Amino acid sequence: MSQDMFLLNFRIPLHLKVQFEDTCSQLRTNMTAELNRMVRDFIKGSREDIGEPIQWLSSHQEDWDQK
């Protein structure tokens, strides 16, 4: 089974990256597998929220209207 892959680069504080790398190593996993798992979990957990305003955004709507 072949999947298209996409390289994703993003910035992260060094101390957080080091802690993440160390934790993955201790758990005998890798950062790619864990990031993919976190993204899938985020998508699954957000399905009910799609189409609904984000709570923070809706509570600060007046700030957005002024820009």
PDB file of N, CA and C in Angstrom:
ATOM      1  N   MET A   1       0.847  -1.172   0.000  1.00  0.00           N
ATOM      2  CA  MET A   1       0.000   0.000   0.000  1.00  0.00           C
ATOM      3  C   MET A   1       0.893   1.235   0.000  1.00  0.00           C
ATOM      4  N   SER A   2       0.782   2.046  -1.024  1.00  0.00           N
ATOM      5  CA  SER A   2       1.608   3.240  -1.168  1.00  0.00           C
ATOM      6  C   SER A   2       0.807   4.481  -0.780  1.00  0.00           C
ATOM      7  N   GLN A   3       1.456   5.367  -0.050  1.00  0.00           N
ATOM      8  CA  GLN A   3       0.823   6.627   0.340  1.00  0.00           C
ATOM      9  C   GLN A   3       1.694   7.769  -0.141  1.00  0.00           C
ATOM     10  N   ASP A   4       1.055   8.838  -0.604  1.00  0.00           N
ATOM     11  CA  ASP A   4       1.807  10.039  -0.932  1.00  0.00           C
ATOM     12  C   ASP A   4       2.284  10.656   0.367  1.00  0.00           C
ATOM     13  N   MET A   5       3.517  11.100   0.382  1.00  0.00           N
ATOM     14  CA  MET A   5       4.090  11.717   1.577  1.00  0.00           C
ATOM     15  C   MET A   5       4.436  13.167   1.264  1.00  0.00           C
ATOM     16  N   PHE A   6       4.359  13.994   2.279  1.00  0.00           N
ATOM     17  CA  PHE A   6       4.652  15.417   2.155  1.00  0.00           C
ATOM     18  C   PHE A   6       5.561  15.807   3.304  1.00  0.00           C
ATOM     19  N   LEU A   7       6.656  16.474   3.000  1.00  0.00           N
ATOM     20  CA  LEU A   7       7.570  16.939   4.032  1.00  0.00           C
ATOM     21  C   LEU A   7       6.999  18.215   4.641  1.00  0.00           C
ATOM     22  N   LEU A   8       6.861  18.224   5.966  1.00  0.00           N
ATOM     23  CA  LEU A   8       6.304  19.365   6.684  1.00  0.00           C
ATOM     24  C   LEU A   8       7.380  19.928   7.602  1.00  0.00           C
ATOM     25  N   ASN A   9       7.721  21.172   7.419  1.00  0.00           N
ATOM     26  CA  ASN A   9       8.709  21.842   8.265  1.00  0.00           C
ATOM     27  C   ASN A   9       8.007  22.910   9.087  1.00  0.00           C
ATOM     28  N   PHE A  10       8.373  23.011  10.341  1.00  0.00           N
ATOM     29  CA  PHE A  10       7.821  24.072  11.179  1.00  0.00           C
ATOM     30  C   PHE A  10       8.820  24.404  12.278  1.00  0.00           C
ATOM     31  N   ARG A  11       8.637  25.541  12.879  1.00  0.00           N
ATOM     32  CA  ARG A  11       9.532  25.994  13.945  1.00  0.00           C
ATOM     33  C   ARG A  11       8.993  25.530  15.288  1.00  0.00           C
ATOM     34  N   ILE A  12       9.928  25.155  16.165  1.00  0.00           N
ATOM     35  CA  ILE A  12       9.582  24.696  17.507  1.00  0.00           C
ATOM     36  C   ILE A  12      10.721  25.127  18.425  1.00  0.00           C
ATOM     37  N   PRO A  13      10.431  25.565  19.635  1.00  0.00           N
ATOM     38  CA  PRO A  13      11.511  25.930  20.558  1.00  0.00           C
ATOM     39  C   PRO A  13      12.452  24.736  20.767  1.00  0.00           C
ATOM     40  N   LEU A  14      13.735  25.030  20.819  1.00  0.00           N
ATOM     41  CA  LEU A  14      14.742  23.979  20.926  1.00  0.00           C
ATOM     42  C   LEU A  14      14.510  23.081  22.131  1.00  0.00           C
ATOM     43  N   HIS A  15      14.205  23.662  23.291  1.00  0.00           N
ATOM     44  CA  HIS A  15      14.027  22.838  24.486  1.00  0.00           C
ATOM     45  C   HIS A  15      12.856  21.862  24.336  1.00  0.00           C
ATOM     46  N   LEU A  16      11.813  22.290  23.636  1.00  0.00           N
ATOM     47  CA  LEU A  16      10.660  21.428  23.413  1.00  0.00           C
ATOM     48  C   LEU A  16      11.011  20.294  22.452  1.00  0.00           C
ATOM     49  N   LYS A  17      11.769  20.615  21.415  1.00  0.00           N
ATOM     50  CA  LYS A  17      12.203  19.597  20.451  1.00  0.00           C
ATOM     51  C   LYS A  17      13.075  18.554  21.135  1.00  0.00           C
ATOM     52  N   VAL A  18      13.988  18.984  21.983  1.00  0.00           N
ATOM     53  CA  VAL A  18      14.886  18.060  22.679  1.00  0.00           C
ATOM     54  C   VAL A  18      14.086  17.159  23.614  1.00  0.00           C
ATOM     55  N   GLN A  19      13.145  17.726  24.356  1.00  0.00           N
ATOM     56  CA  GLN A  19      12.310  16.922  25.256  1.00  0.00           C
ATOM     57  C   GLN A  19      11.467  15.925  24.476  1.00  0.00           C
ATOM     58  N   PHE A  20      10.922  16.350  23.349  1.00  0.00           N
ATOM     59  CA  PHE A  20      10.115  15.472  22.511  1.00  0.00           C
ATOM     60  C   PHE A  20      10.959  14.327  21.962  1.00  0.00           C
ATOM     61  N   GLU A  21      12.128  14.657  21.466  1.00  0.00           N
ATOM     62  CA  GLU A  21      13.049  13.653  20.930  1.00  0.00           C
ATOM     63  C   GLU A  21      13.441  12.643  22.010  1.00  0.00           C
ATOM     64  N   ASP A  22      13.783  13.131  23.193  1.00  0.00           N
ATOM     65  CA  ASP A  22      14.164  12.253  24.307  1.00  0.00           C
ATOM     66  C   ASP A  22      13.003  11.348  24.731  1.00  0.00           C
ATOM     67  N   THR A  23      11.811  11.923  24.826  1.00  0.00           N
ATOM     68  CA  THR A  23      10.646  11.145  25.236  1.00  0.00           C
ATOM     69  C   THR A  23      10.327  10.061  24.209  1.00  0.00           C
ATOM     70  N   CYS A  24      10.380  10.402  22.942  1.00  0.00           N
ATOM     71  CA  CYS A  24      10.139   9.412  21.895  1.00  0.00           C
ATOM     72  C   CYS A  24      11.165   8.284  21.979  1.00  0.00           C
ATOM     73  N   SER A  25      12.403   8.646  22.196  1.00  0.00           N
ATOM     74  CA  SER A  25      13.461   7.643  22.305  1.00  0.00           C
ATOM     75  C   SER A  25      13.211   6.703  23.487  1.00  0.00           C
ATOM     76  N   GLN A  26      12.849   7.266  24.624  1.00  0.00           N
ATOM     77  CA  GLN A  26      12.578   6.452  25.815  1.00  0.00           C
ATOM     78  C   GLN A  26      11.390   5.514  25.603  1.00  0.00           C
ATOM     79  N   LEU A  27      10.419   5.958  24.819  1.00  0.00           N
ATOM     80  CA  LEU A  27       9.233   5.141  24.550  1.00  0.00           C
ATOM     81  C   LEU A  27       9.413   4.242  23.328  1.00  0.00           C
ATOM     82  N   ARG A  28      10.623   4.267  22.760  1.00  0.00           N
ATOM     83  CA  ARG A  28      10.965   3.455  21.588  1.00  0.00           C
ATOM     84  C   ARG A  28      10.024   3.720  20.405  1.00  0.00           C
ATOM     85  N   THR A  29       9.835   4.985  20.143  1.00  0.00           N
ATOM     86  CA  THR A  29       9.053   5.418  18.991  1.00  0.00           C
ATOM     87  C   THR A  29       9.843   6.528  18.318  1.00  0.00           C
ATOM     88  N   ASN A  30       9.308   7.135  17.299  1.00  0.00           N
ATOM     89  CA  ASN A  30      10.021   8.241  16.658  1.00  0.00           C
ATOM     90  C   ASN A  30       9.105   9.450  16.536  1.00  0.00           C
ATOM     91  N   MET A  31       9.708  10.590  16.301  1.00  0.00           N
ATOM     92  CA  MET A  31       8.951  11.839  16.272  1.00  0.00           C
ATOM     93  C   MET A  31       7.937  11.864  15.142  1.00  0.00           C
ATOM     94  N   THR A  32       8.276  11.314  13.982  1.00  0.00           N
ATOM     95  CA  THR A  32       7.347  11.299  12.854  1.00  0.00           C
ATOM     96  C   THR A  32       6.091  10.515  13.196  1.00  0.00           C
ATOM     97  N   ALA A  33       6.263   9.328  13.764  1.00  0.00           N
ATOM     98  CA  ALA A  33       5.107   8.501  14.120  1.00  0.00           C
ATOM     99  C   ALA A  33       4.223   9.220  15.135  1.00  0.00           C
ATOM    100  N   GLU A  34       4.832   9.858  16.122  1.00  0.00           N
ATOM    101  CA  GLU A  34       4.054  10.540  17.153  1.00  0.00           C
ATOM    102  C   GLU A  34       3.365  11.791  16.632  1.00  0.00           C
ATOM    103  N   LEU A  35       4.030  12.538  15.762  1.00  0.00           N
ATOM    104  CA  LEU A  35       3.382  13.716  15.173  1.00  0.00           C
ATOM    105  C   LEU A  35       2.205  13.296  14.296  1.00  0.00           C
ATOM    106  N   ASN A  36       2.371  12.232  13.508  1.00  0.00           N
ATOM    107  CA  ASN A  36       1.256  11.730  12.703  1.00  0.00           C
ATOM    108  C   ASN A  36       0.102  11.292  13.593  1.00  0.00           C
ATOM    109  N   ARG A  37       0.403  10.609  14.712  1.00  0.00           N
ATOM    110  CA  ARG A  37      -0.637  10.183  15.644  1.00  0.00           C
ATOM    111  C   ARG A  37      -1.356  11.392  16.231  1.00  0.00           C
ATOM    112  N   MET A  38      -0.585  12.421  16.632  1.00  0.00           N
ATOM    113  CA  MET A  38      -1.191  13.618  17.224  1.00  0.00           C
ATOM    114  C   MET A  38      -2.080  14.346  16.220  1.00  0.00           C
ATOM    115  N   VAL A  39      -1.656  14.413  14.970  1.00  0.00           N
ATOM    116  CA  VAL A  39      -2.466  15.070  13.943  1.00  0.00           C
ATOM    117  C   VAL A  39      -3.764  14.297  13.718  1.00  0.00           C
ATOM    118  N   ARG A  40      -3.672  12.958  13.623  1.00  0.00           N
ATOM    119  CA  ARG A  40      -4.882  12.145  13.457  1.00  0.00           C
ATOM    120  C   ARG A  40      -5.830  12.320  14.642  1.00  0.00           C
ATOM    121  N   ASP A  41      -5.287  12.294  15.865  1.00  0.00           N
ATOM    122  CA  ASP A  41      -6.115  12.483  17.063  1.00  0.00           C
ATOM    123  C   ASP A  41      -6.767  13.861  17.069  1.00  0.00           C
ATOM    124  N   PHE A  42      -6.026  14.878  16.661  1.00  0.00           N
ATOM    125  CA  PHE A  42      -6.565  16.238  16.608  1.00  0.00           C
ATOM    126  C   PHE A  42      -7.721  16.311  15.620  1.00  0.00           C
ATOM    127  N   ILE A  43      -7.543  15.707  14.444  1.00  0.00           N
ATOM    128  CA  ILE A  43      -8.590  15.726  13.420  1.00  0.00           C
ATOM    129  C   ILE A  43      -9.829  14.996  13.920  1.00  0.00           C
ATOM    130  N   LYS A  44      -9.647  13.808  14.501  1.00  0.00           N
ATOM    131  CA  LYS A  44     -10.784  13.047  15.029  1.00  0.00           C
ATOM    132  C   LYS A  44     -11.517  13.835  16.108  1.00  0.00           C
ATOM    133  N   GLY A  45     -10.777  14.458  17.000  1.00  0.00           N
ATOM    134  CA  GLY A  45     -11.384  15.201  18.093  1.00  0.00           C
ATOM    135  C   GLY A  45     -12.019  16.504  17.673  1.00  0.00           C
ATOM    136  N   SER A  46     -11.668  17.003  16.510  1.00  0.00           N
ATOM    137  CA  SER A  46     -12.167  18.301  16.051  1.00  0.00           C
ATOM    138  C   SER A  46     -13.342  18.191  15.104  1.00  0.00           C
ATOM    139  N   ARG A  47     -13.715  16.994  14.728  1.00  0.00           N
ATOM    140  CA  ARG A  47     -14.797  16.834  13.752  1.00  0.00           C
ATOM    141  C   ARG A  47     -16.084  17.517  14.187  1.00  0.00           C
ATOM    142  N   GLU A  48     -16.403  17.445  15.468  1.00  0.00           N
ATOM    143  CA  GLU A  48     -17.630  18.073  15.955  1.00  0.00           C
ATOM    144  C   GLU A  48     -17.531  19.598  15.922  1.00  0.00           C
ATOM    145  N   ASP A  49     -16.309  20.129  15.985  1.00  0.00           N
ATOM    146  CA  ASP A  49     -16.108  21.570  16.038  1.00  0.00           C
ATOM    147  C   ASP A  49     -16.077  22.226  14.664  1.00  0.00           C
ATOM    148  N   ILE A  50     -15.944  21.433  13.608  1.00  0.00           N
ATOM    149  CA  ILE A  50     -15.850  22.002  12.260  1.00  0.00           C
ATOM    150  C   ILE A  50     -17.155  22.715  11.943  1.00  0.00           C
ATOM    151  N   GLY A  51     -17.030  23.923  11.486  1.00  0.00           N
ATOM    152  CA  GLY A  51     -18.198  24.737  11.189  1.00  0.00           C
ATOM    153  C   GLY A  51     -18.640  25.591  12.357  1.00  0.00           C
ATOM    154  N   GLU A  52     -18.132  25.295  13.536  1.00  0.00           N
ATOM    155  CA  GLU A  52     -18.449  26.086  14.716  1.00  0.00           C
ATOM    156  C   GLU A  52     -17.287  27.034  14.981  1.00  0.00           C
ATOM    157  N   PRO A  53     -17.564  28.249  15.430  1.00  0.00           N
ATOM    158  CA  PRO A  53     -16.455  29.159  15.731  1.00  0.00           C
ATOM    159  C   PRO A  53     -15.631  28.646  16.909  1.00  0.00           C
ATOM    160  N   ILE A  54     -14.351  28.868  16.833  1.00  0.00           N
ATOM    161  CA  ILE A  54     -13.477  28.517  17.939  1.00  0.00           C
ATOM    162  C   ILE A  54     -13.876  29.382  19.128  1.00  0.00           C
ATOM    163  N   GLN A  55     -13.976  28.792  20.309  1.00  0.00           N
ATOM    164  CA  GLN A  55     -14.443  29.509  21.495  1.00  0.00           C
ATOM    165  C   GLN A  55     -13.672  30.807  21.707  1.00  0.00           C
ATOM    166  N   TRP A  56     -12.338  30.751  21.611  1.00  0.00           N
ATOM    167  CA  TRP A  56     -11.541  31.949  21.833  1.00  0.00           C
ATOM    168  C   TRP A  56     -11.876  33.005  20.801  1.00  0.00           C
ATOM    169  N   LEU A  57     -11.969  32.597  19.549  1.00  0.00           N
ATOM    170  CA  LEU A  57     -12.252  33.543  18.484  1.00  0.00           C
ATOM    171  C   LEU A  57     -13.624  34.180  18.677  1.00  0.00           C
ATOM    172  N   SER A  58     -14.622  33.365  18.980  1.00  0.00           N
ATOM    173  CA  SER A  58     -15.964  33.918  19.121  1.00  0.00           C
ATOM    174  C   SER A  58     -16.074  34.833  20.342  1.00  0.00           C
ATOM    175  N   SER A  59     -15.256  34.577  21.382  1.00  0.00           N
ATOM    176  CA  SER A  59     -15.314  35.435  22.559  1.00  0.00           C
ATOM    177  C   SER A  59     -14.505  36.719  22.364  1.00  0.00           C
ATOM    178  N   HIS A  60     -13.690  36.779  21.316  1.00  0.00           N
ATOM    179  CA  HIS A  60     -12.879  37.966  21.021  1.00  0.00           C
ATOM    180  C   HIS A  60     -13.239  38.551  19.654  1.00  0.00           C
ATOM    181  N   GLN A  61     -14.464  38.325  19.217  1.00  0.00           N
ATOM    182  CA  GLN A  61     -14.879  38.761  17.889  1.00  0.00           C
ATOM    183  C   GLN A  61     -14.700  40.274  17.709  1.00  0.00           C
ATOM    184  N   GLU A  62     -14.973  41.044  18.752  1.00  0.00           N
ATOM    185  CA  GLU A  62     -14.833  42.498  18.620  1.00  0.00           C
ATOM    186  C   GLU A  62     -13.395  42.906  18.301  1.00  0.00           C
ATOM    187  N   ASP A  63     -12.408  42.127  18.787  1.00  0.00           N
ATOM    188  CA  ASP A  63     -11.010  42.426  18.456  1.00  0.00           C
ATOM    189  C   ASP A  63     -10.762  42.235  16.977  1.00  0.00           C
ATOM    190  N   TRP A  64     -11.353  41.209  16.380  1.00  0.00           N
ATOM    191  CA  TRP A  64     -11.170  40.941  14.950  1.00  0.00           C
ATOM    192  C   TRP A  64     -11.909  41.957  14.106  1.00  0.00           C
ATOM    193  N   ASP A  65     -13.067  42.408  14.565  1.00  0.00           N
ATOM    194  CA  ASP A  65     -13.845  43.369  13.811  1.00  0.00           C
ATOM    195  C   ASP A  65     -13.153  44.715  13.695  1.00  0.00           C
ATOM    196  N   GLN A  66     -12.295  45.046  14.662  1.00  0.00           N
ATOM    197  CA  GLN A  66     -11.612  46.344  14.659  1.00  0.00           C
ATOM    198  C   GLN A  66     -10.420  46.367  13.718  1.00  0.00           C
ATOM    199  N   LYS A  67      -9.969  45.238  13.243  1.00  0.00           N
ATOM    200  CA  LYS A  67      -8.758  45.191  12.391  1.00  0.00           C
ATOM    201  C   LYS A  67      -9.095  45.404  10.947  1.00  0.00           C
TER     202      LYS A  67
END
